[in-house]
Each structure stands twice: as C-alpha cells, then as structure tokens.
Amino acid sequence: MTSSPPNRTYLPVVLGVLAVLTALIATAVVYRAIDGDELHPGDETRTNAAGGSGDPIGTAVVDGHARSLVVSGTVRDLASVHLRGGEGFLTVGSVIDSEGNALGPGTLESRASDVRVSGSGLRFGIHALRVMPSGAGFIGADLLPDTRPSGVAGVRANGPLTVEASSMTFLPNADDRATQPPVPVTLRAPITIVSDEPFPVQGREWVDIPTGPIAVDAEWLTWAGSGGMAFDGASYAHEFVGIRGDGTVAIGRGAPELAITGELTPRQIWVDGIAQLATTADVEVKRIPNPALAGEYTTFTWAPTNRGRFDMAMASITPGNPAGSWVELALDPLPDMDGGEDRPARGGVTAGLIYDEGGFFDNATQPISSMIRPGRGDEREIGIHVPDDATPGDYTVALVVEGNFDPIRVEVPVRVIAR
C-alpha cells in the first residue's frame, strides 16, 4: 500500500492558529504576573522580629491646609451622593418601584450619566477622590496598587437606598416555575433598592460634597499646600506631603483652601514625593538561572521582602557590574503624592537595564511594583539576556536596589555554556 504525500493546503492555517494560541498563552502568563503583583504581592511572609511589622507604631497627627487633596478610604455620615459624568450603573438587589410595588430580586441598570443615591447613614467608599476648595470632586484610580479599599468601592447605607436616575431598567430574576423568561421593566425615579453589595456607581464627579467638614476613614492621603504631620518626635512639612495609614481625617472645604486635621497610624509618610520612614529590607534569590548559550534568554527568581514596620519604597534598581546590564526589568514609579497636581513622577529608575517594548510574539516588559507593605515579599521571575558575544564561563549578575532602606546588592550566578 502506497501512502499519499501529506496535504499541505492547511499548513498555513495550522501555523496561524498555533501562533494565536501561543500569543494568548503568553498574554495569560503576563496577566497572571501583573495580577499577583498588584493584588496579592509575593508570598506574604510576615515577620515579628525586633523592629518588624508587629511592633507598635504610634499615631501621626495631621494638620494642614491645601489647594488640592487626594484621599482614599470611606466617607462617613452622608445624606446623599450625587454623581455625574460616568457610564451609568449595573447592580443587583430587591427593588421597590416609585409607586411602592415590590418587584422582588433582580438586576437594575441605567445608562444615565447623572445619578443620586440617598439613605440613612451613607458611607461612600472611594479608591481615590480629589477634593478642591469648591466645586465637584473627581474620582479616579487608586495611586497605590497594593492598597485597595476594603470591599468594592461604592455607596452603602444602614438600610434601603433611594436611587434617582433616568432610563432605569429592572430585570427580575428568572423563576424556575415560569414558562416564559422574565420581561424587563422600565422604571421611573425614585426607586428603592435593598442589596448586600455596595451600590456601584461609576460616576467620575461627586457633585454634592458637603460644605462642612467631611469625615473620612482614610487609607492614604496626600495634599498640595502647607502644613504636614508630626510623628514620633519629628515633623514632616512641605508643599507636597502624603501619608498611608489607618485613621480618621476631617476635611473642611471653603475658599481659598481646604482644612485637614486628623490622626492616623502611619505605614509611610511622604515629603516631596520621597518616602521618609525607613524600613529594613532584603532580597532573596530563590532560584538561580539555568545555564544558557550566548544569545539565549534565561531567568532567575527573587523576592524583595520588607522586614520592617513601614512601607518599602524601591526608588531604583540598577546594574551593579557589567553583567548586571544583561537583566530585563522595569520598575513602577513611586506613588504620586502631590495632591493630584500631576507633578513629574519620582523613582522608577532602571537605567542600564534592558526594557523590551514587545511585539506580536514578545510581550513588553511588565514593571514590578515599587511598593511592598510591611512583612510581605514580592516573589517574581526576572529575565536575563545573555549577549551574543559572551564567552563560555561563569559570571555574576549584580543589581543594586535602593530606596528607604540600606542599599541592597543582589548577586546572581550565571553560567554561559559553549555550543
């Protein structure tokens, strides 16, 4: 029996499918690395050694005046929250329409860019809110990738919420006994909703910020103006200051500036964009690279770890010797602790290292987080590009990590093998 030659008509198609699958897998791997960096830094090993993260810290007294302020946390004791300029909302819960008819559980949706939520004892969780002496507040993304407010940002109440928006549509939950799918219902404002989740309004402007002081259970705070913080016998004052920590601040609005007072347990204090509270840190090399030929790519695994009481802020990672320039690495800038005034970023220095802009088959270098919280480590894989002209032999790749800790020199052995 004579076998027929393979049909090559489909070969380009097969190669194309393989290329797409390869790109998708690579993208998923990179996404997983980013997700691990931002939401679950490192292996989260904790320390309670002398000077470690378990030691008592004390309280920082905050007292300042600002032309602009950015805060993250939960605003308490509100009567209403009026938001404008977003893309509407989508939420679930039990709904009562404007005539008092109970519609049961389901999904409430509106494409309106203007929405007002009111209720008893409102609490408004925000990732980052920029407050000015007057006018609307602006809601943006969190400045600190590994310090998310508890739960989903949004509006909570001690009971039902009253919602006012245009073009609200309610889709009741499906009933297993029903022979027809549920029919959407168009609602007129106001409606009442009871939900176990915060009301996820995606507005970008908070219109009705109270003129009197607002109380914020803060997670971090930064402002541009005057004043600062007093902590542990030292004073931290500048035109641009910031603090990450837990506590309550009062923000009073009025021309020509904001008044800020409060007390927080600090995890870091920032002056002119630079972390002020020193910590103890190290970098553990957990896996050395496999031997590689000249011109090849290999990797090692390291874990920068914060052993102290305060946030670790890596400002620069640079080569410590000629072979250190073989390393591919990017570093996030330090947080913008400038009260929302968009000054040039600090930190993020990786001069002398390789940055890959990426392509169809090659993902761009993903920056590592510059911030590591007390008692945590950020374990990740780092790439090494062995030069084409490297001669076989044993090398040491050295990197120098600098920030609010004693400089750390990291040395990684690399073996270049002959072809």
Protein backbone atom coordinates (compact mmCIF):
# COMPACT_ATOMS: atom_id res chain seq x y z
CA MET A 1 0.00 0.00 0.00
CA THR A 2 1.43 3.32 -1.03
CA SER A 3 0.89 6.25 1.29
CA SER A 4 -0.16 9.59 -0.16
CA PRO A 5 2.01 12.65 0.44
CA PRO A 6 0.69 14.93 3.19
CA ASN A 7 -1.78 17.59 2.10
CA ARG A 8 -0.01 20.93 2.72
CA THR A 9 -3.02 23.06 1.85
CA TYR A 10 -3.90 23.60 5.53
CA LEU A 11 -0.35 24.13 6.81
CA PRO A 12 -0.52 27.97 6.84
CA VAL A 13 -3.85 27.80 8.67
CA VAL A 14 -2.46 25.43 11.30
CA LEU A 15 0.61 27.63 11.81
CA GLY A 16 -1.61 30.69 12.15
CA VAL A 17 -3.76 29.00 14.80
CA LEU A 18 -0.66 27.91 16.71
CA ALA A 19 0.69 31.48 16.60
CA VAL A 20 -2.53 32.90 18.03
CA LEU A 21 -2.63 30.25 20.78
CA THR A 22 0.98 30.99 21.67
CA ALA A 23 0.25 34.72 21.95
CA LEU A 24 -2.83 34.08 24.09
CA ILE A 25 -0.92 31.80 26.47
CA ALA A 26 1.89 34.34 26.79
CA THR A 27 -0.65 37.09 27.48
CA ALA A 28 -2.31 34.96 30.17
CA VAL A 29 1.06 34.34 31.84
CA VAL A 30 1.87 38.06 31.85
CA TYR A 31 -1.62 38.92 33.16
CA ARG A 32 -1.17 36.44 35.99
CA ALA A 33 2.15 38.05 36.90
CA ILE A 34 0.55 41.52 36.93
CA ASP A 35 -2.40 40.31 38.98
CA GLY A 36 -0.09 38.69 41.51
CA ASP A 37 1.97 41.85 41.77
CA GLU A 38 -0.86 44.28 42.32
CA LEU A 39 -3.41 42.35 44.33
CA HIS A 40 -1.51 39.64 46.17
CA PRO A 41 2.12 40.78 46.50
CA GLY A 42 4.63 37.98 46.97
CA ASP A 43 4.26 35.02 49.27
CA GLU A 44 3.11 37.39 52.04
CA THR A 45 5.60 36.05 54.57
CA ARG A 46 5.37 38.07 57.77
CA THR A 47 7.90 38.97 60.41
CA ASN A 48 7.69 39.97 64.07
CA ALA A 49 11.39 40.34 64.72
CA ALA A 50 12.76 43.38 66.57
CA GLY A 51 11.75 46.42 64.59
CA GLY A 52 9.45 44.25 62.49
CA SER A 53 5.92 44.75 61.29
CA GLY A 54 4.35 43.53 64.53
CA ASP A 55 5.81 46.32 66.67
CA PRO A 56 3.54 49.14 67.92
CA ILE A 57 3.85 52.24 65.74
CA GLY A 58 2.06 55.18 67.33
CA THR A 59 -0.03 57.95 65.80
CA ALA A 60 0.74 60.70 63.31
CA VAL A 61 -1.07 64.00 63.88
CA VAL A 62 -2.19 65.54 60.58
CA ASP A 63 -2.66 69.31 60.32
CA GLY A 64 -2.59 71.16 57.02
CA HIS A 65 -4.19 73.47 54.50
CA ALA A 66 -4.49 72.55 50.85
CA ARG A 67 -5.38 73.93 47.45
CA SER A 68 -5.85 70.33 46.28
CA LEU A 69 -6.16 66.99 48.09
CA VAL A 70 -6.50 63.32 47.17
CA VAL A 71 -7.78 60.75 49.65
CA SER A 72 -8.63 57.04 49.60
CA GLY A 73 -10.98 55.38 52.09
CA THR A 74 -14.59 55.69 53.21
CA VAL A 75 -16.50 58.96 53.66
CA ARG A 76 -18.95 58.59 56.57
CA ASP A 77 -22.25 60.12 57.71
CA LEU A 78 -23.55 61.35 54.36
CA ALA A 79 -27.16 62.17 53.46
CA SER A 80 -26.75 61.70 49.70
CA VAL A 81 -24.23 61.12 46.96
CA HIS A 82 -24.85 62.84 43.62
CA LEU A 83 -22.54 61.67 40.82
CA ARG A 84 -22.23 62.88 37.27
CA GLY A 85 -20.34 62.06 34.11
CA GLY A 86 -19.99 58.28 34.33
CA GLU A 87 -21.43 55.50 32.20
CA GLY A 88 -24.36 54.58 34.40
CA PHE A 89 -24.56 51.61 36.74
CA LEU A 90 -25.45 47.93 37.00
CA THR A 91 -26.39 46.45 40.38
CA VAL A 92 -28.42 43.61 41.92
CA GLY A 93 -30.91 43.59 44.78
CA SER A 94 -34.59 43.70 45.68
CA VAL A 95 -36.37 46.67 44.11
CA ILE A 96 -39.48 48.69 45.05
CA ASP A 97 -40.75 50.97 42.31
CA SER A 98 -41.85 54.60 42.68
CA GLU A 99 -45.48 53.52 43.36
CA GLY A 100 -44.42 51.26 46.23
CA ASN A 101 -44.76 47.96 44.37
CA ALA A 102 -42.26 45.28 45.43
CA LEU A 103 -40.71 43.82 42.28
CA GLY A 104 -38.53 41.26 44.03
CA PRO A 105 -34.86 40.49 43.41
CA GLY A 106 -33.20 41.17 40.10
CA THR A 107 -30.80 43.41 38.21
CA LEU A 108 -31.13 47.20 38.00
CA GLU A 109 -29.39 49.04 35.17
CA SER A 110 -29.18 52.61 33.91
CA ARG A 111 -27.10 54.26 31.21
CA ALA A 112 -27.66 57.69 32.75
CA SER A 113 -24.60 59.84 33.37
CA ASP A 114 -26.30 61.52 36.34
CA VAL A 115 -27.40 59.55 39.43
CA ARG A 116 -28.31 60.43 43.02
CA VAL A 117 -28.26 57.91 45.88
CA SER A 118 -29.62 58.68 49.36
CA GLY A 119 -30.30 56.75 52.54
CA SER A 120 -29.69 56.50 56.27
CA GLY A 121 -26.05 56.87 57.38
CA LEU A 122 -24.49 56.65 53.91
CA ARG A 123 -20.88 55.52 53.63
CA PHE A 124 -19.09 56.18 50.34
CA GLY A 125 -16.03 54.01 49.66
CA ILE A 126 -13.68 55.59 47.13
CA HIS A 127 -10.36 54.46 45.64
CA ALA A 128 -9.09 58.00 45.04
CA LEU A 129 -11.07 61.21 45.46
CA ARG A 130 -9.62 64.59 44.51
CA VAL A 131 -11.16 67.39 46.56
CA MET A 132 -10.86 71.09 45.77
CA PRO A 133 -11.92 74.08 47.95
CA SER A 134 -15.15 74.28 45.92
CA GLY A 135 -16.88 72.56 43.04
CA ALA A 136 -17.19 68.86 42.28
CA GLY A 137 -14.83 66.15 43.49
CA PHE A 138 -13.11 63.90 40.96
CA ILE A 139 -12.99 60.13 41.44
CA GLY A 140 -10.06 58.26 39.91
CA ALA A 141 -7.96 55.11 40.14
CA ASP A 142 -6.01 54.10 43.24
CA LEU A 143 -2.48 55.51 43.45
CA LEU A 144 -1.17 52.53 45.40
CA PRO A 145 -1.61 49.25 43.51
CA ASP A 146 -1.37 47.02 46.60
CA THR A 147 -3.59 49.03 48.97
CA ARG A 148 -7.18 48.56 47.88
CA PRO A 149 -10.07 49.91 49.99
CA SER A 150 -11.97 47.13 51.76
CA GLY A 151 -14.64 45.62 49.54
CA VAL A 152 -15.99 47.19 46.37
CA ALA A 153 -15.90 50.97 46.15
CA GLY A 154 -19.42 52.32 46.22
CA VAL A 155 -22.25 53.52 48.43
CA ARG A 156 -23.58 51.65 51.46
CA ALA A 157 -26.39 52.54 53.87
CA ASN A 158 -27.81 51.32 57.16
CA GLY A 159 -30.89 50.17 55.25
CA PRO A 160 -32.51 50.60 51.81
CA LEU A 161 -31.12 53.04 49.27
CA THR A 162 -33.18 55.53 47.27
CA VAL A 163 -31.93 55.85 43.69
CA GLU A 164 -32.78 58.65 41.26
CA ALA A 165 -31.65 58.31 37.64
CA SER A 166 -33.17 58.36 34.19
CA SER A 167 -33.81 55.33 31.97
CA MET A 168 -33.69 52.71 34.73
CA THR A 169 -34.43 49.16 33.63
CA PHE A 170 -35.15 46.29 36.02
CA LEU A 171 -34.83 42.63 35.02
CA PRO A 172 -36.42 40.31 37.62
CA ASN A 173 -34.64 37.08 38.44
CA ALA A 174 -35.86 34.08 36.46
CA ASP A 175 -38.47 31.88 38.18
CA ASP A 176 -37.82 28.16 37.65
CA ARG A 177 -41.58 27.56 37.59
CA ALA A 178 -42.27 30.17 34.90
CA THR A 179 -42.79 29.09 31.32
CA GLN A 180 -41.57 32.41 29.90
CA PRO A 181 -38.35 34.33 30.60
CA PRO A 182 -38.69 37.48 32.75
CA VAL A 183 -39.57 40.72 30.99
CA PRO A 184 -37.51 43.91 31.60
CA VAL A 185 -39.43 46.71 33.33
CA THR A 186 -38.75 50.40 32.70
CA LEU A 187 -38.87 52.34 35.99
CA ARG A 188 -39.39 55.96 36.91
CA ALA A 189 -37.33 57.58 39.68
CA PRO A 190 -37.13 57.36 42.57
CA ILE A 191 -36.87 53.65 43.32
CA THR A 192 -35.79 51.81 46.47
CA ILE A 193 -33.23 49.01 46.40
CA VAL A 194 -32.03 46.65 49.14
CA SER A 195 -28.74 44.93 48.37
CA ASP A 196 -25.96 43.07 50.18
CA GLU A 197 -23.39 44.80 47.95
CA PRO A 198 -22.33 48.46 47.77
CA PHE A 199 -24.13 50.46 45.11
CA PRO A 200 -21.50 50.54 42.31
CA VAL A 201 -21.92 53.97 40.78
CA GLN A 202 -19.30 54.64 38.13
CA GLY A 203 -19.57 58.43 38.13
CA ARG A 204 -16.40 60.49 37.77
CA GLU A 205 -17.62 63.62 39.57
CA TRP A 206 -19.06 63.87 43.07
CA VAL A 207 -21.35 66.87 42.80
CA ASP A 208 -22.78 67.36 46.30
CA ILE A 209 -19.72 67.18 48.57
CA PRO A 210 -20.85 68.78 51.85
CA THR A 211 -19.60 72.30 52.50
CA GLY A 212 -18.98 71.44 56.15
CA PRO A 213 -16.20 69.06 57.26
CA ILE A 214 -16.47 65.51 55.92
CA ALA A 215 -15.17 62.60 57.99
CA VAL A 216 -13.05 60.07 56.10
CA ASP A 217 -11.82 56.74 57.42
CA ALA A 218 -8.66 57.17 55.40
CA GLU A 219 -6.26 54.61 53.95
CA TRP A 220 -3.99 57.19 52.37
CA LEU A 221 -3.98 60.94 51.94
CA THR A 222 -1.91 63.48 50.02
CA TRP A 223 -2.23 67.22 49.55
CA ALA A 224 -0.61 70.27 47.94
CA GLY A 225 -0.42 73.33 50.16
CA SER A 226 1.06 73.83 53.61
CA GLY A 227 1.40 72.06 56.94
CA GLY A 228 2.14 68.39 57.35
CA MET A 229 2.41 65.69 60.01
CA ALA A 230 4.03 65.17 63.39
CA PHE A 231 5.11 61.63 64.22
CA ASP A 232 7.46 60.02 66.73
CA GLY A 233 9.03 63.34 67.73
CA ALA A 234 9.67 64.50 64.17
CA SER A 235 7.82 66.97 61.92
CA TYR A 236 7.17 66.40 58.23
CA ALA A 237 6.14 69.59 56.45
CA HIS A 238 6.33 70.62 52.79
CA GLU A 239 4.26 71.95 49.93
CA PHE A 240 3.63 68.33 48.89
CA VAL A 241 3.07 65.69 51.57
CA GLY A 242 1.36 62.32 51.86
CA ILE A 243 0.66 59.51 54.28
CA ARG A 244 -0.54 55.90 54.07
CA GLY A 245 -2.11 54.55 57.22
CA ASP A 246 -5.31 53.88 59.10
CA GLY A 247 -7.26 56.57 60.92
CA THR A 248 -9.81 59.33 60.53
CA VAL A 249 -9.35 62.77 58.99
CA ALA A 250 -11.72 65.72 58.75
CA ILE A 251 -11.68 67.72 55.51
CA GLY A 252 -13.29 71.15 55.57
CA ARG A 253 -13.99 72.95 52.31
CA GLY A 254 -14.02 76.69 51.78
CA ALA A 255 -12.24 79.36 49.78
CA PRO A 256 -9.37 79.70 49.30
CA GLU A 257 -8.23 76.32 50.69
CA LEU A 258 -9.12 73.06 52.41
CA ALA A 259 -8.52 72.45 56.10
CA ILE A 260 -7.22 68.98 57.05
CA THR A 261 -6.97 67.57 60.58
CA GLY A 262 -6.85 64.04 61.97
CA GLU A 263 -4.80 61.18 63.35
CA LEU A 264 -3.54 58.11 61.50
CA THR A 265 -1.34 55.16 62.34
CA PRO A 266 1.26 55.62 59.59
CA ARG A 267 2.72 52.96 57.34
CA GLN A 268 4.60 55.58 55.33
CA ILE A 269 4.97 59.36 55.23
CA TRP A 270 5.90 61.17 52.03
CA VAL A 271 7.59 64.55 51.64
CA ASP A 272 8.10 65.98 48.14
CA GLY A 273 7.38 62.52 46.71
CA ILE A 274 10.02 60.69 48.78
CA ALA A 275 9.31 58.08 51.47
CA GLN A 276 10.52 59.36 54.86
CA LEU A 277 10.14 56.41 57.25
CA ALA A 278 12.97 53.91 56.87
CA THR A 279 12.41 50.17 56.86
CA THR A 280 14.53 47.03 56.88
CA ALA A 281 14.58 45.05 53.64
CA ASP A 282 16.38 42.25 51.85
CA VAL A 283 16.23 40.42 48.53
CA GLU A 284 16.35 36.63 48.47
CA VAL A 285 17.39 34.81 45.29
CA LYS A 286 15.11 31.78 45.36
CA ARG A 287 16.15 30.16 42.09
CA ILE A 288 19.31 30.73 40.07
CA PRO A 289 19.14 30.75 36.24
CA ASN A 290 19.67 27.67 34.15
CA PRO A 291 22.90 27.59 32.11
CA ALA A 292 22.46 29.34 28.77
CA LEU A 293 24.18 29.70 25.43
CA ALA A 294 25.41 33.08 24.23
CA GLY A 295 22.45 34.95 22.75
CA GLU A 296 19.89 32.99 24.79
CA TYR A 297 17.37 34.12 27.41
CA THR A 298 17.25 32.64 30.91
CA THR A 299 15.55 33.58 34.18
CA PHE A 300 16.02 33.64 37.94
CA THR A 301 13.53 34.11 40.77
CA TRP A 302 13.92 36.70 43.51
CA ALA A 303 11.81 38.06 46.35
CA PRO A 304 12.36 41.60 47.65
CA THR A 305 10.98 41.45 51.21
CA ASN A 306 10.00 44.16 53.66
CA ARG A 307 11.17 43.14 57.15
CA GLY A 308 10.33 46.41 58.89
CA ARG A 309 7.39 48.42 60.22
CA PHE A 310 6.90 50.81 57.31
CA ASP A 311 6.23 50.56 53.57
CA MET A 312 9.21 49.58 51.47
CA ALA A 313 9.62 52.05 48.58
CA MET A 314 12.05 50.91 45.88
CA ALA A 315 13.19 54.01 44.00
CA SER A 316 15.82 52.44 41.71
CA ILE A 317 17.18 49.10 40.53
CA THR A 318 20.41 49.45 38.53
CA PRO A 319 23.33 47.26 37.36
CA GLY A 320 25.97 46.60 39.99
CA ASN A 321 28.55 45.37 37.46
CA PRO A 322 28.81 45.00 33.64
CA ALA A 323 26.90 41.69 33.64
CA GLY A 324 24.08 43.39 35.55
CA SER A 325 23.12 45.14 32.30
CA TRP A 326 22.00 41.75 30.93
CA VAL A 327 18.90 41.89 33.14
CA GLU A 328 15.46 42.76 31.74
CA LEU A 329 13.49 44.69 34.36
CA ALA A 330 11.18 47.70 34.71
CA LEU A 331 10.07 49.37 37.94
CA ASP A 332 6.89 51.32 38.68
CA PRO A 333 7.44 54.96 39.70
CA LEU A 334 6.79 55.88 43.31
CA PRO A 335 3.18 56.95 44.07
CA ASP A 336 2.14 60.46 43.00
CA MET A 337 1.98 62.02 46.47
CA ASP A 338 1.32 65.51 45.09
CA GLY A 339 -2.30 66.21 45.99
CA GLY A 340 -3.42 65.43 42.46
CA GLU A 341 -1.38 68.19 40.79
CA ASP A 342 0.34 65.80 38.35
CA ARG A 343 3.99 66.55 39.04
CA PRO A 344 6.76 64.54 37.35
CA ALA A 345 6.95 61.01 38.73
CA ARG A 346 9.67 60.10 41.22
CA GLY A 347 11.55 56.82 41.25
CA GLY A 348 11.12 54.05 38.69
CA VAL A 349 14.83 54.27 37.81
CA THR A 350 16.26 51.26 35.94
CA ALA A 351 18.97 52.97 33.90
CA GLY A 352 21.32 50.43 32.33
CA LEU A 353 18.87 47.52 32.35
CA ILE A 354 17.02 46.07 29.36
CA TYR A 355 13.47 47.17 28.54
CA ASP A 356 11.63 45.18 25.87
CA GLU A 357 8.89 47.15 24.07
CA GLY A 358 7.29 43.90 22.99
CA GLY A 359 5.68 42.73 19.77
CA PHE A 360 3.27 40.13 18.42
CA PHE A 361 5.22 37.17 19.82
CA ASP A 362 7.04 39.09 22.56
CA ASN A 363 5.24 40.83 25.41
CA ALA A 364 6.57 44.14 26.68
CA THR A 365 8.48 44.21 29.94
CA GLN A 366 5.98 44.44 32.81
CA PRO A 367 7.09 46.85 35.61
CA ILE A 368 7.34 45.42 39.09
CA SER A 369 5.67 47.26 41.95
CA SER A 370 7.85 49.83 43.71
CA MET A 371 5.86 49.40 46.94
CA ILE A 372 5.91 46.43 49.34
CA ARG A 373 3.92 46.56 52.55
CA PRO A 374 5.39 45.63 55.95
CA GLY A 375 6.03 41.94 56.46
CA ARG A 376 5.47 41.00 52.81
CA GLY A 377 7.63 39.80 49.94
CA ASP A 378 7.16 40.10 46.18
CA GLU A 379 8.39 36.89 44.55
CA ARG A 380 8.74 37.01 40.77
CA GLU A 381 10.73 35.78 37.78
CA ILE A 382 13.36 38.10 36.29
CA GLY A 383 14.85 37.70 32.80
CA ILE A 384 18.49 37.67 31.71
CA HIS A 385 19.55 38.21 28.08
CA VAL A 386 22.99 36.65 27.58
CA PRO A 387 24.85 38.70 24.94
CA ASP A 388 25.67 37.10 21.59
CA ASP A 389 29.38 37.68 22.15
CA ALA A 390 29.56 36.31 25.71
CA THR A 391 32.35 33.76 26.05
CA PRO A 392 31.60 30.48 27.89
CA GLY A 393 32.27 30.64 31.60
CA ASP A 394 30.84 31.63 34.99
CA TYR A 395 29.54 35.17 35.52
CA THR A 396 27.94 37.11 38.36
CA VAL A 397 24.99 39.34 37.53
CA ALA A 398 24.81 42.11 40.16
CA LEU A 399 21.95 44.51 40.80
CA VAL A 400 21.73 47.38 43.31
CA VAL A 401 18.31 48.10 44.87
CA GLU A 402 17.87 51.49 46.57
CA GLY A 403 15.06 53.21 48.43
CA ASN A 404 14.08 53.91 52.04
CA PHE A 405 16.38 51.15 53.33
CA ASP A 406 20.08 50.37 53.30
CA PRO A 407 21.16 49.73 49.68
CA ILE A 408 20.89 46.05 48.73
CA ARG A 409 23.37 44.39 46.38
CA VAL A 410 21.93 41.28 44.74
CA GLU A 411 24.33 38.81 43.11
CA VAL A 412 23.12 36.03 40.82
CA PRO A 413 25.47 33.38 39.34
CA VAL A 414 25.07 32.77 35.59
CA ARG A 415 26.84 30.05 33.59
CA VAL A 416 27.30 30.61 29.85
CA ILE A 417 27.89 27.28 28.09
CA ALA A 418 29.64 26.50 24.80
CA ARG A 419 27.71 25.38 21.74
